[in-house]
C-alpha atoms as a PDB file:
ATOM      1  CA  MET A   1      -0.645   2.512  10.110  1.00  0.00           C
ATOM      2  CA  ILE A   2      -2.487   1.283   7.026  1.00  0.00           C
ATOM      3  CA  ASP A   3      -5.231  -1.295   7.600  1.00  0.00           C
ATOM      4  CA  LEU A   4      -5.761  -3.387   4.472  1.00  0.00           C
ATOM      5  CA  GLY A   5      -8.534  -5.435   6.059  1.00  0.00           C
ATOM      6  CA  ALA A   6      -9.068  -9.170   5.948  1.00  0.00           C
ATOM      7  CA  ASP A   7      -8.223 -11.673   3.192  1.00  0.00           C
ATOM      8  CA  VAL A   8      -5.570  -9.540   1.518  1.00  0.00           C
ATOM      9  CA  SER A   9      -3.443 -11.257  -1.113  1.00  0.00           C
ATOM     10  CA  PRO A  10       0.339 -11.251  -0.687  1.00  0.00           C
ATOM     11  CA  GLY A  11       0.629  -9.178  -3.864  1.00  0.00           C
ATOM     12  CA  ARG A  12      -1.700  -6.483  -2.537  1.00  0.00           C
ATOM     13  CA  PHE A  13       0.154  -6.502   0.775  1.00  0.00           C
ATOM     14  CA  ILE A  14       3.493  -5.845  -0.948  1.00  0.00           C
ATOM     15  CA  GLU A  15       1.909  -3.282  -3.270  1.00  0.00           C
ATOM     16  CA  ALA A  16       0.570  -1.311  -0.292  1.00  0.00           C
ATOM     17  CA  ALA A  17       3.941  -1.441   1.456  1.00  0.00           C
ATOM     18  CA  ARG A  18       5.605   0.039  -1.639  1.00  0.00           C
ATOM     19  CA  GLU A  19       2.846   2.585  -2.204  1.00  0.00           C
ATOM     20  CA  HIS A  20       3.221   3.935   1.336  1.00  0.00           C
ATOM     21  CA  SER A  21       7.024   3.554   1.504  1.00  0.00           C
ATOM     22  CA  ALA A  22       6.662   1.358   4.571  1.00  0.00           C
ATOM     23  CA  ASP A  23       9.697   0.798   6.751  1.00  0.00           C
ATOM     24  CA  ILE A  24       7.955  -1.956   8.704  1.00  0.00           C
ATOM     25  CA  VAL A  25       5.141  -4.309   7.730  1.00  0.00           C
ATOM     26  CA  GLY A  26       3.147  -6.678   9.890  1.00  0.00           C
ATOM     27  CA  GLY A  27       0.420  -9.228   9.570  1.00  0.00           C
ATOM     28  CA  SER A  28      -1.516 -11.328  12.017  1.00  0.00           C
ATOM     29  CA  ALA A  29      -2.767 -14.867  12.203  1.00  0.00           C
ATOM     30  CA  LEU A  30      -5.388 -15.016  14.904  1.00  0.00           C
ATOM     31  CA  MET A  31      -6.465 -18.562  14.062  1.00  0.00           C
ATOM     32  CA  THR A  32      -4.279 -21.536  13.223  1.00  0.00           C
ATOM     33  CA  THR A  33      -6.108 -21.918   9.909  1.00  0.00           C
ATOM     34  CA  THR A  34      -4.699 -18.565   8.771  1.00  0.00           C
ATOM     35  CA  LEU A  35      -1.113 -19.430   9.674  1.00  0.00           C
ATOM     36  CA  PRO A  36      -0.165 -20.929   6.263  1.00  0.00           C
ATOM     37  CA  MET A  37      -0.854 -17.577   4.580  1.00  0.00           C
ATOM     38  CA  GLN A  38       1.774 -15.972   6.795  1.00  0.00           C
ATOM     39  CA  GLU A  39       4.404 -18.109   5.062  1.00  0.00           C
ATOM     40  CA  CYS A  40       3.138 -16.866   1.689  1.00  0.00           C
ATOM     41  CA  MET A  41       3.401 -13.270   2.904  1.00  0.00           C
ATOM     42  CA  VAL A  42       6.985 -13.761   4.082  1.00  0.00           C
ATOM     43  CA  LYS A  43       7.977 -15.381   0.782  1.00  0.00           C
ATOM     44  CA  ALA A  44       6.378 -12.569  -1.232  1.00  0.00           C
ATOM     45  CA  ALA A  45       8.163  -9.945   0.860  1.00  0.00           C
ATOM     46  CA  SER A  46      11.545 -11.665   0.609  1.00  0.00           C
ATOM     47  CA  GLU A  47      11.289 -11.985  -3.180  1.00  0.00           C
ATOM     48  CA  ASP A  48      11.550  -8.202  -3.420  1.00  0.00           C
END
């Protein structure tokens, strides 16, 4: 498991997944205000 911390950009998230040859990636949205970023993360991952 690689913990990137809080407030990680979608680009950095994808970069880390590539760097570590991740088979599975996950993110969390513990507050409803962080939910919109999850959509950005999914879009960034599916563009690859």
